[in-house]
Amino acid sequence: MFGKYFYNESMRRMTIAFGQLFNKIQVKRKDSSGNVTQSIPVPLAYAPKEKFLVRLDQQPDLENREFAITLPRMSFEISGISYDGSRKLTRVQKYKTVKSSTDGKILNYNYTPVPYNISYNLNIFTATAEAGLQIVEQILPFFQPDYTVTVNAVPELNIKKDVPIILNTVTYEDSYNGEFTTRRAVIYTLTFTAKTYLFGPANTQKVIKEVQSDLYTDVNQTEDREVRITITPDPTSADADDDFGFTTTITDYNDGKKYNPSTDTDE
């Protein structure tokens, strides 16, 4: 079962959607009169918090642009993945779409996805307390405590999911290096939980154009068949993605024969 390769990129798309929420944040600097003198876009990268802390420890001046890293900036990362049994749905539901192939149309389908919670950490690094407050205030009002995004979970099946992203905690850290009066870096860490879904491998089957059922007088089918019910689409040329009705044909039998599905004949 686990030998079949598939990759729906569900977690990758969820992570991209999460990062896009914070990729247009700015910090503005003002003079003593309140006029904006500089507007700084805050860079965002997928990276662990420790990576930036090591870089900051090696940099004596956080405002010097001669160095490879400058503040403010943000980073985010996946911190955990856990199953969420409270959102479990029935397994037999199918998501379906019809695709064309060389031998006609086929039905692509996938079963009910599995609910998982993905935890994210968003780290904010600034050189001043004012810059940190500007960034945090551009984020917190949108989470009460969740913000819902729409993720194109499986584009091949046109499956889109509304995923609530919940803000769990906000922590603050003010680190120093050298004298106590010398500010080193202000660090905010925001933790989030995205209540998303993970899909299994996609499957294909031919489009069913006819359904046939034979009715017997007893459940063991030891007696002769009595009625055959045949259902076909109307028109018969309709496909699964068309708007169509059904034609039901009921035929009575007393010939003592039974239908053989292997040969598709009455014997």
C-alpha atoms as a PDB file:
ATOM      1  CA  MET A   1       0.000   0.000   0.000  1.00  0.00           C
ATOM      2  CA  PHE A   2       2.775   2.446   0.897  1.00  0.00           C
ATOM      3  CA  GLY A   3       4.788   1.631  -2.239  1.00  0.00           C
ATOM      4  CA  LYS A   4       2.634   3.779  -4.537  1.00  0.00           C
ATOM      5  CA  TYR A   5       4.263   7.151  -5.091  1.00  0.00           C
ATOM      6  CA  PHE A   6       2.126  10.267  -4.883  1.00  0.00           C
ATOM      7  CA  TYR A   7       2.717  13.864  -3.899  1.00  0.00           C
ATOM      8  CA  ASN A   8      -0.213  16.286  -3.821  1.00  0.00           C
ATOM      9  CA  GLU A   9       1.940  19.144  -2.445  1.00  0.00           C
ATOM     10  CA  SER A  10      -0.768  19.839   0.146  1.00  0.00           C
ATOM     11  CA  MET A  11       1.604  20.917   2.925  1.00  0.00           C
ATOM     12  CA  ARG A  12       3.748  22.884   0.479  1.00  0.00           C
ATOM     13  CA  ARG A  13       0.731  24.859  -0.758  1.00  0.00           C
ATOM     14  CA  MET A  14      -0.414  25.425   2.823  1.00  0.00           C
ATOM     15  CA  THR A  15       3.023  26.734   3.793  1.00  0.00           C
ATOM     16  CA  ILE A  16       3.107  29.068   0.780  1.00  0.00           C
ATOM     17  CA  ALA A  17      -0.350  30.390   1.664  1.00  0.00           C
ATOM     18  CA  PHE A  18       0.764  31.004   5.239  1.00  0.00           C
ATOM     19  CA  GLY A  19       3.876  32.910   4.143  1.00  0.00           C
ATOM     20  CA  GLN A  20       1.914  35.070   1.694  1.00  0.00           C
ATOM     21  CA  LEU A  21      -0.094  36.504   4.592  1.00  0.00           C
ATOM     22  CA  PHE A  22       2.997  38.356   5.830  1.00  0.00           C
ATOM     23  CA  ASN A  23       5.011  39.159   2.697  1.00  0.00           C
ATOM     24  CA  LYS A  24       3.887  42.787   2.273  1.00  0.00           C
ATOM     25  CA  ILE A  25       4.489  44.222   5.742  1.00  0.00           C
ATOM     26  CA  GLN A  26       6.358  47.518   5.998  1.00  0.00           C
ATOM     27  CA  VAL A  27       8.068  49.580   8.663  1.00  0.00           C
ATOM     28  CA  LYS A  28       8.005  53.378   8.368  1.00  0.00           C
ATOM     29  CA  ARG A  29      10.426  55.779  10.005  1.00  0.00           C
ATOM     30  CA  LYS A  30       9.412  59.339  10.838  1.00  0.00           C
ATOM     31  CA  ASP A  31      11.212  62.519  11.773  1.00  0.00           C
ATOM     32  CA  SER A  32      10.487  64.679  14.809  1.00  0.00           C
ATOM     33  CA  SER A  33       7.613  66.351  12.942  1.00  0.00           C
ATOM     34  CA  GLY A  34       5.872  63.067  12.181  1.00  0.00           C
ATOM     35  CA  ASN A  35       6.736  63.036   8.493  1.00  0.00           C
ATOM     36  CA  VAL A  36       7.632  59.685   6.940  1.00  0.00           C
ATOM     37  CA  THR A  37      11.295  59.691   5.987  1.00  0.00           C
ATOM     38  CA  GLN A  38      11.713  56.049   5.040  1.00  0.00           C
ATOM     39  CA  SER A  39       9.464  53.099   4.211  1.00  0.00           C
ATOM     40  CA  ILE A  40      11.158  49.724   4.616  1.00  0.00           C
ATOM     41  CA  PRO A  41       9.627  46.478   3.266  1.00  0.00           C
ATOM     42  CA  VAL A  42      10.219  43.721   5.803  1.00  0.00           C
ATOM     43  CA  PRO A  43      11.894  40.703   4.125  1.00  0.00           C
ATOM     44  CA  LEU A  44      10.322  37.318   4.791  1.00  0.00           C
ATOM     45  CA  ALA A  45      12.118  33.972   4.481  1.00  0.00           C
ATOM     46  CA  TYR A  46      11.481  30.348   5.368  1.00  0.00           C
ATOM     47  CA  ALA A  47      14.180  29.686   7.940  1.00  0.00           C
ATOM     48  CA  PRO A  48      14.503  28.622  11.577  1.00  0.00           C
ATOM     49  CA  LYS A  49      14.876  31.228  14.282  1.00  0.00           C
ATOM     50  CA  GLU A  50      18.300  29.907  15.304  1.00  0.00           C
ATOM     51  CA  LYS A  51      19.747  30.637  11.872  1.00  0.00           C
ATOM     52  CA  PHE A  52      19.055  34.357  12.232  1.00  0.00           C
ATOM     53  CA  LEU A  53      20.265  34.452  15.826  1.00  0.00           C
ATOM     54  CA  VAL A  54      23.636  33.038  14.769  1.00  0.00           C
ATOM     55  CA  ARG A  55      23.896  35.613  12.000  1.00  0.00           C
ATOM     56  CA  LEU A  56      23.025  38.408  14.423  1.00  0.00           C
ATOM     57  CA  ASP A  57      25.661  37.268  16.904  1.00  0.00           C
ATOM     58  CA  GLN A  58      28.281  37.596  14.187  1.00  0.00           C
ATOM     59  CA  GLN A  59      27.182  41.101  13.177  1.00  0.00           C
ATOM     60  CA  PRO A  60      28.264  44.057  15.342  1.00  0.00           C
ATOM     61  CA  ASP A  61      25.945  46.660  13.760  1.00  0.00           C
ATOM     62  CA  LEU A  62      22.323  45.778  13.028  1.00  0.00           C
ATOM     63  CA  GLU A  63      21.753  48.945  11.002  1.00  0.00           C
ATOM     64  CA  ASN A  64      24.853  48.671   8.782  1.00  0.00           C
ATOM     65  CA  ARG A  65      23.831  47.643   5.251  1.00  0.00           C
ATOM     66  CA  GLU A  66      27.361  46.596   4.392  1.00  0.00           C
ATOM     67  CA  PHE A  67      26.559  43.329   6.125  1.00  0.00           C
ATOM     68  CA  ALA A  68      24.549  40.514   4.548  1.00  0.00           C
ATOM     69  CA  ILE A  69      21.706  40.723   7.076  1.00  0.00           C
ATOM     70  CA  THR A  70      19.884  43.840   8.237  1.00  0.00           C
ATOM     71  CA  LEU A  71      16.892  44.403  10.470  1.00  0.00           C
ATOM     72  CA  PRO A  72      13.923  44.393  10.470  1.00  0.00           C
ATOM     73  CA  ARG A  73      13.145  41.033   8.908  1.00  0.00           C
ATOM     74  CA  MET A  74      10.922  38.021   9.496  1.00  0.00           C
ATOM     75  CA  SER A  75      11.181  34.264   9.183  1.00  0.00           C
ATOM     76  CA  PHE A  76       8.720  31.397   9.517  1.00  0.00           C
ATOM     77  CA  GLU A  77       8.949  27.624   9.770  1.00  0.00           C
ATOM     78  CA  ILE A  78       6.904  24.499  10.400  1.00  0.00           C
ATOM     79  CA  SER A  79       7.189  23.520  14.056  1.00  0.00           C
ATOM     80  CA  GLY A  80       4.908  20.492  14.199  1.00  0.00           C
ATOM     81  CA  ILE A  81       2.262  18.325  12.528  1.00  0.00           C
ATOM     82  CA  SER A  82      -0.491  16.526  14.439  1.00  0.00           C
ATOM     83  CA  TYR A  83      -3.639  14.575  13.618  1.00  0.00           C
ATOM     84  CA  ASP A  84      -6.954  16.256  14.484  1.00  0.00           C
ATOM     85  CA  GLY A  85      -9.557  13.589  15.208  1.00  0.00           C
ATOM     86  CA  SER A  86     -12.247  16.179  16.026  1.00  0.00           C
ATOM     87  CA  ARG A  87     -12.552  17.055  12.311  1.00  0.00           C
ATOM     88  CA  LYS A  88     -12.639  13.496  10.988  1.00  0.00           C
ATOM     89  CA  LEU A  89     -15.201  12.847   8.241  1.00  0.00           C
ATOM     90  CA  THR A  90     -16.585   9.676   6.682  1.00  0.00           C
ATOM     91  CA  ARG A  91     -14.041   7.878   4.521  1.00  0.00           C
ATOM     92  CA  VAL A  92     -16.337   6.882   1.643  1.00  0.00           C
ATOM     93  CA  GLN A  93     -17.039  10.384   0.303  1.00  0.00           C
ATOM     94  CA  LYS A  94     -15.402  11.069  -3.053  1.00  0.00           C
ATOM     95  CA  TYR A  95     -14.130  14.193  -4.777  1.00  0.00           C
ATOM     96  CA  LYS A  96     -14.524  13.638  -8.527  1.00  0.00           C
ATOM     97  CA  THR A  97     -13.733  15.320 -11.813  1.00  0.00           C
ATOM     98  CA  VAL A  98     -13.895  14.133 -15.415  1.00  0.00           C
ATOM     99  CA  LYS A  99     -10.824  14.256 -17.656  1.00  0.00           C
ATOM    100  CA  SER A 100     -10.347  13.447 -21.321  1.00  0.00           C
ATOM    101  CA  SER A 101      -7.913  10.739 -22.362  1.00  0.00           C
ATOM    102  CA  THR A 102      -6.881   8.991 -25.572  1.00  0.00           C
ATOM    103  CA  ASP A 103      -9.593   6.327 -25.168  1.00  0.00           C
ATOM    104  CA  GLY A 104     -12.388   8.640 -24.065  1.00  0.00           C
ATOM    105  CA  LYS A 105     -13.241  10.310 -20.808  1.00  0.00           C
ATOM    106  CA  ILE A 106     -12.116   8.993 -17.437  1.00  0.00           C
ATOM    107  CA  LEU A 107     -13.164   9.849 -13.900  1.00  0.00           C
ATOM    108  CA  ASN A 108     -10.454  11.097 -11.533  1.00  0.00           C
ATOM    109  CA  TYR A 109     -11.389  10.834  -7.876  1.00  0.00           C
ATOM    110  CA  ASN A 110      -9.964  11.059  -4.400  1.00  0.00           C
ATOM    111  CA  TYR A 111     -11.405   9.974  -1.086  1.00  0.00           C
ATOM    112  CA  THR A 112     -12.113  12.131   1.952  1.00  0.00           C
ATOM    113  CA  PRO A 113      -8.929  13.868   3.161  1.00  0.00           C
ATOM    114  CA  VAL A 114      -7.394  13.357   6.582  1.00  0.00           C
ATOM    115  CA  PRO A 115      -7.538  16.331   9.001  1.00  0.00           C
ATOM    116  CA  TYR A 116      -4.156  17.501  10.265  1.00  0.00           C
ATOM    117  CA  ASN A 117      -2.997  20.545  12.208  1.00  0.00           C
ATOM    118  CA  ILE A 118       0.213  22.181  11.007  1.00  0.00           C
ATOM    119  CA  SER A 119       1.970  24.409  13.539  1.00  0.00           C
ATOM    120  CA  TYR A 120       3.970  27.404  12.335  1.00  0.00           C
ATOM    121  CA  ASN A 121       6.307  29.826  14.080  1.00  0.00           C
ATOM    122  CA  LEU A 122       6.599  33.369  12.757  1.00  0.00           C
ATOM    123  CA  ASN A 123       9.720  35.154  14.032  1.00  0.00           C
ATOM    124  CA  ILE A 124      10.088  38.941  13.883  1.00  0.00           C
ATOM    125  CA  PHE A 125      13.544  40.492  14.302  1.00  0.00           C
ATOM    126  CA  THR A 126      13.944  44.244  14.730  1.00  0.00           C
ATOM    127  CA  ALA A 127      16.666  46.554  15.989  1.00  0.00           C
ATOM    128  CA  THR A 128      14.235  48.832  17.844  1.00  0.00           C
ATOM    129  CA  ALA A 129      11.131  48.352  19.938  1.00  0.00           C
ATOM    130  CA  GLU A 130       9.197  50.779  17.711  1.00  0.00           C
ATOM    131  CA  ALA A 131       9.792  48.720  14.570  1.00  0.00           C
ATOM    132  CA  GLY A 132       8.697  45.566  16.351  1.00  0.00           C
ATOM    133  CA  LEU A 133       5.455  47.173  17.517  1.00  0.00           C
ATOM    134  CA  GLN A 134       4.711  48.388  13.984  1.00  0.00           C
ATOM    135  CA  ILE A 135       5.046  44.889  12.570  1.00  0.00           C
ATOM    136  CA  VAL A 136       3.071  43.163  15.321  1.00  0.00           C
ATOM    137  CA  GLU A 137       0.241  45.673  15.107  1.00  0.00           C
ATOM    138  CA  GLN A 138      -0.114  44.984  11.369  1.00  0.00           C
ATOM    139  CA  ILE A 139      -0.700  41.292  12.143  1.00  0.00           C
ATOM    140  CA  LEU A 140      -2.645  40.868  15.390  1.00  0.00           C
ATOM    141  CA  PRO A 141      -5.936  42.646  14.487  1.00  0.00           C
ATOM    142  CA  PHE A 142      -6.638  40.125  11.704  1.00  0.00           C
ATOM    143  CA  PHE A 143      -6.624  37.121  14.059  1.00  0.00           C
ATOM    144  CA  GLN A 144      -9.671  36.858  16.341  1.00  0.00           C
ATOM    145  CA  PRO A 145      -8.133  34.384  17.022  1.00  0.00           C
ATOM    146  CA  ASP A 146      -8.246  32.856  13.511  1.00  0.00           C
ATOM    147  CA  TYR A 147      -7.974  34.031   9.921  1.00  0.00           C
ATOM    148  CA  THR A 148      -9.298  31.861   7.080  1.00  0.00           C
ATOM    149  CA  VAL A 149      -7.462  31.375   3.788  1.00  0.00           C
ATOM    150  CA  THR A 150      -8.556  29.398   0.727  1.00  0.00           C
ATOM    151  CA  VAL A 151      -6.009  26.834  -0.440  1.00  0.00           C
ATOM    152  CA  ASN A 152      -6.110  25.075  -3.793  1.00  0.00           C
ATOM    153  CA  ALA A 153      -5.439  21.696  -2.192  1.00  0.00           C
ATOM    154  CA  VAL A 154      -5.569  19.451  -5.292  1.00  0.00           C
ATOM    155  CA  PRO A 155      -5.660  21.472  -8.543  1.00  0.00           C
ATOM    156  CA  GLU A 156      -6.109  18.318 -10.666  1.00  0.00           C
ATOM    157  CA  LEU A 157      -9.481  17.711  -9.006  1.00  0.00           C
ATOM    158  CA  ASN A 158     -10.290  21.402  -8.503  1.00  0.00           C
ATOM    159  CA  ILE A 159     -10.458  20.859  -4.745  1.00  0.00           C
ATOM    160  CA  LYS A 160     -10.301  24.073  -2.729  1.00  0.00           C
ATOM    161  CA  LYS A 161     -10.376  24.161   1.057  1.00  0.00           C
ATOM    162  CA  ASP A 162     -11.030  27.013   3.489  1.00  0.00           C
ATOM    163  CA  VAL A 163      -8.344  26.640   6.144  1.00  0.00           C
ATOM    164  CA  PRO A 164      -8.563  28.593   9.427  1.00  0.00           C
ATOM    165  CA  ILE A 165      -5.180  29.725  10.758  1.00  0.00           C
ATOM    166  CA  ILE A 166      -5.332  30.255  14.517  1.00  0.00           C
ATOM    167  CA  LEU A 167      -2.992  32.566  16.420  1.00  0.00           C
ATOM    168  CA  ASN A 168      -2.030  30.734  19.596  1.00  0.00           C
ATOM    169  CA  THR A 169       0.625  32.766  21.418  1.00  0.00           C
ATOM    170  CA  VAL A 170       2.799  35.867  21.107  1.00  0.00           C
ATOM    171  CA  THR A 171       6.118  35.926  22.963  1.00  0.00           C
ATOM    172  CA  TYR A 172       8.587  38.798  23.305  1.00  0.00           C
ATOM    173  CA  GLU A 173      12.343  38.705  23.754  1.00  0.00           C
ATOM    174  CA  ASP A 174      14.782  41.598  24.113  1.00  0.00           C
ATOM    175  CA  SER A 175      18.401  40.480  23.804  1.00  0.00           C
ATOM    176  CA  TYR A 176      21.520  42.525  24.478  1.00  0.00           C
ATOM    177  CA  ASN A 177      25.213  42.272  23.679  1.00  0.00           C
ATOM    178  CA  GLY A 178      27.806  44.264  25.563  1.00  0.00           C
ATOM    179  CA  GLU A 179      26.591  47.122  27.745  1.00  0.00           C
ATOM    180  CA  PHE A 180      23.098  46.988  29.198  1.00  0.00           C
ATOM    181  CA  THR A 181      22.136  50.232  27.470  1.00  0.00           C
ATOM    182  CA  THR A 182      23.049  48.889  24.025  1.00  0.00           C
ATOM    183  CA  ARG A 183      20.053  47.281  22.348  1.00  0.00           C
ATOM    184  CA  ARG A 184      20.926  44.104  20.476  1.00  0.00           C
ATOM    185  CA  ALA A 185      17.688  42.841  18.940  1.00  0.00           C
ATOM    186  CA  VAL A 186      13.970  42.720  19.655  1.00  0.00           C
ATOM    187  CA  ILE A 187      12.432  39.359  18.792  1.00  0.00           C
ATOM    188  CA  TYR A 188       8.754  38.474  18.622  1.00  0.00           C
ATOM    189  CA  THR A 189       7.665  34.867  18.125  1.00  0.00           C
ATOM    190  CA  LEU A 190       4.092  34.204  17.032  1.00  0.00           C
ATOM    191  CA  THR A 191       2.816  30.631  16.993  1.00  0.00           C
ATOM    192  CA  PHE A 192      -0.015  29.569  14.673  1.00  0.00           C
ATOM    193  CA  THR A 193      -2.031  26.439  13.939  1.00  0.00           C
ATOM    194  CA  ALA A 194      -3.406  25.780  10.447  1.00  0.00           C
ATOM    195  CA  LYS A 195      -6.327  23.337  10.428  1.00  0.00           C
ATOM    196  CA  THR A 196      -5.734  21.805   7.029  1.00  0.00           C
ATOM    197  CA  TYR A 197      -6.352  18.497   5.267  1.00  0.00           C
ATOM    198  CA  LEU A 198      -4.060  15.967   3.600  1.00  0.00           C
ATOM    199  CA  PHE A 199      -5.246  13.984   0.578  1.00  0.00           C
ATOM    200  CA  GLY A 200      -4.174  10.485  -0.366  1.00  0.00           C
ATOM    201  CA  PRO A 201      -3.286   9.218  -3.838  1.00  0.00           C
ATOM    202  CA  ALA A 202      -5.630  10.044  -6.715  1.00  0.00           C
ATOM    203  CA  ASN A 203      -7.440   7.221  -8.509  1.00  0.00           C
ATOM    204  CA  THR A 204      -9.001   6.848 -11.940  1.00  0.00           C
ATOM    205  CA  GLN A 205     -11.865   4.820 -13.347  1.00  0.00           C
ATOM    206  CA  LYS A 206     -13.878   4.727 -16.533  1.00  0.00           C
ATOM    207  CA  VAL A 207     -17.146   6.630 -16.683  1.00  0.00           C
ATOM    208  CA  ILE A 208     -20.067   4.279 -15.978  1.00  0.00           C
ATOM    209  CA  LYS A 209     -22.708   4.559 -18.727  1.00  0.00           C
ATOM    210  CA  GLU A 210     -25.061   1.732 -17.745  1.00  0.00           C
ATOM    211  CA  VAL A 211     -26.206   0.093 -14.504  1.00  0.00           C
ATOM    212  CA  GLN A 212     -28.039  -3.238 -14.511  1.00  0.00           C
ATOM    213  CA  SER A 213     -29.685  -5.077 -11.650  1.00  0.00           C
ATOM    214  CA  ASP A 214     -31.545  -8.411 -11.714  1.00  0.00           C
ATOM    215  CA  LEU A 215     -34.206  -9.081  -9.077  1.00  0.00           C
ATOM    216  CA  TYR A 216     -34.991 -12.565  -7.784  1.00  0.00           C
ATOM    217  CA  THR A 217     -37.781 -14.001  -5.694  1.00  0.00           C
ATOM    218  CA  ASP A 218     -35.339 -15.080  -2.953  1.00  0.00           C
ATOM    219  CA  VAL A 219     -32.180 -13.582  -1.534  1.00  0.00           C
ATOM    220  CA  ASN A 220     -30.057 -16.661  -2.376  1.00  0.00           C
ATOM    221  CA  GLN A 221     -30.889 -16.368  -6.090  1.00  0.00           C
ATOM    222  CA  THR A 222     -31.855 -20.045  -6.283  1.00  0.00           C
ATOM    223  CA  GLU A 223     -35.125 -19.223  -8.043  1.00  0.00           C
ATOM    224  CA  ASP A 224     -35.451 -17.767 -11.512  1.00  0.00           C
ATOM    225  CA  ARG A 225     -34.940 -14.072 -12.021  1.00  0.00           C
ATOM    226  CA  GLU A 226     -38.111 -12.069 -12.415  1.00  0.00           C
ATOM    227  CA  VAL A 227     -37.184  -8.453 -13.206  1.00  0.00           C
ATOM    228  CA  ARG A 228     -34.194  -6.671 -14.718  1.00  0.00           C
ATOM    229  CA  ILE A 229     -33.777  -2.937 -14.120  1.00  0.00           C
ATOM    230  CA  THR A 230     -31.432  -1.075 -16.456  1.00  0.00           C
ATOM    231  CA  ILE A 231     -30.522   2.609 -15.969  1.00  0.00           C
ATOM    232  CA  THR A 232     -28.733   4.633 -18.656  1.00  0.00           C
ATOM    233  CA  PRO A 233     -28.046   8.365 -19.043  1.00  0.00           C
ATOM    234  CA  ASP A 234     -30.388  10.436 -21.153  1.00  0.00           C
ATOM    235  CA  PRO A 235     -29.057  11.230 -23.709  1.00  0.00           C
ATOM    236  CA  THR A 236     -26.853   8.151 -23.990  1.00  0.00           C
ATOM    237  CA  SER A 237     -23.968  10.295 -25.307  1.00  0.00           C
ATOM    238  CA  ALA A 238     -23.770  12.249 -22.023  1.00  0.00           C
ATOM    239  CA  ASP A 239     -20.607  12.150 -19.910  1.00  0.00           C
ATOM    240  CA  ALA A 240     -20.213  12.472 -16.145  1.00  0.00           C
ATOM    241  CA  ASP A 241     -19.555  16.218 -16.365  1.00  0.00           C
ATOM    242  CA  ASP A 242     -22.643  16.919 -18.518  1.00  0.00           C
ATOM    243  CA  ASP A 243     -26.137  17.946 -17.457  1.00  0.00           C
ATOM    244  CA  PHE A 244     -28.290  14.890 -18.088  1.00  0.00           C
ATOM    245  CA  GLY A 245     -31.149  12.775 -16.818  1.00  0.00           C
ATOM    246  CA  PHE A 246     -31.722   9.018 -16.628  1.00  0.00           C
ATOM    247  CA  THR A 247     -33.736   6.426 -18.522  1.00  0.00           C
ATOM    248  CA  THR A 248     -34.967   3.461 -16.470  1.00  0.00           C
ATOM    249  CA  THR A 249     -35.967   0.271 -18.297  1.00  0.00           C
ATOM    250  CA  ILE A 250     -37.791  -2.540 -16.443  1.00  0.00           C
ATOM    251  CA  THR A 251     -37.954  -5.947 -18.158  1.00  0.00           C
ATOM    252  CA  ASP A 252     -39.822  -9.030 -16.906  1.00  0.00           C
ATOM    253  CA  TYR A 253     -38.255 -12.510 -17.353  1.00  0.00           C
ATOM    254  CA  ASN A 254     -39.365 -16.099 -16.895  1.00  0.00           C
ATOM    255  CA  ASP A 255     -36.786 -17.877 -19.056  1.00  0.00           C
ATOM    256  CA  GLY A 256     -34.869 -19.444 -16.159  1.00  0.00           C
ATOM    257  CA  LYS A 257     -31.554 -17.863 -17.177  1.00  0.00           C
ATOM    258  CA  LYS A 258     -29.039 -15.933 -15.103  1.00  0.00           C
ATOM    259  CA  TYR A 259     -26.741 -13.110 -16.093  1.00  0.00           C
ATOM    260  CA  ASN A 260     -23.034 -13.968 -16.317  1.00  0.00           C
ATOM    261  CA  PRO A 261     -20.943 -10.822 -15.720  1.00  0.00           C
ATOM    262  CA  SER A 262     -17.807 -12.518 -17.075  1.00  0.00           C
ATOM    263  CA  THR A 263     -19.265 -13.069 -20.544  1.00  0.00           C
ATOM    264  CA  ASP A 264     -21.895 -10.305 -20.394  1.00  0.00           C
ATOM    265  CA  THR A 265     -24.575 -12.754 -21.526  1.00  0.00           C
ATOM    266  CA  ASP A 266     -27.640 -14.533 -20.143  1.00  0.00           C
ATOM    267  CA  GLU A 267     -26.968 -18.235 -19.657  1.00  0.00           C
END
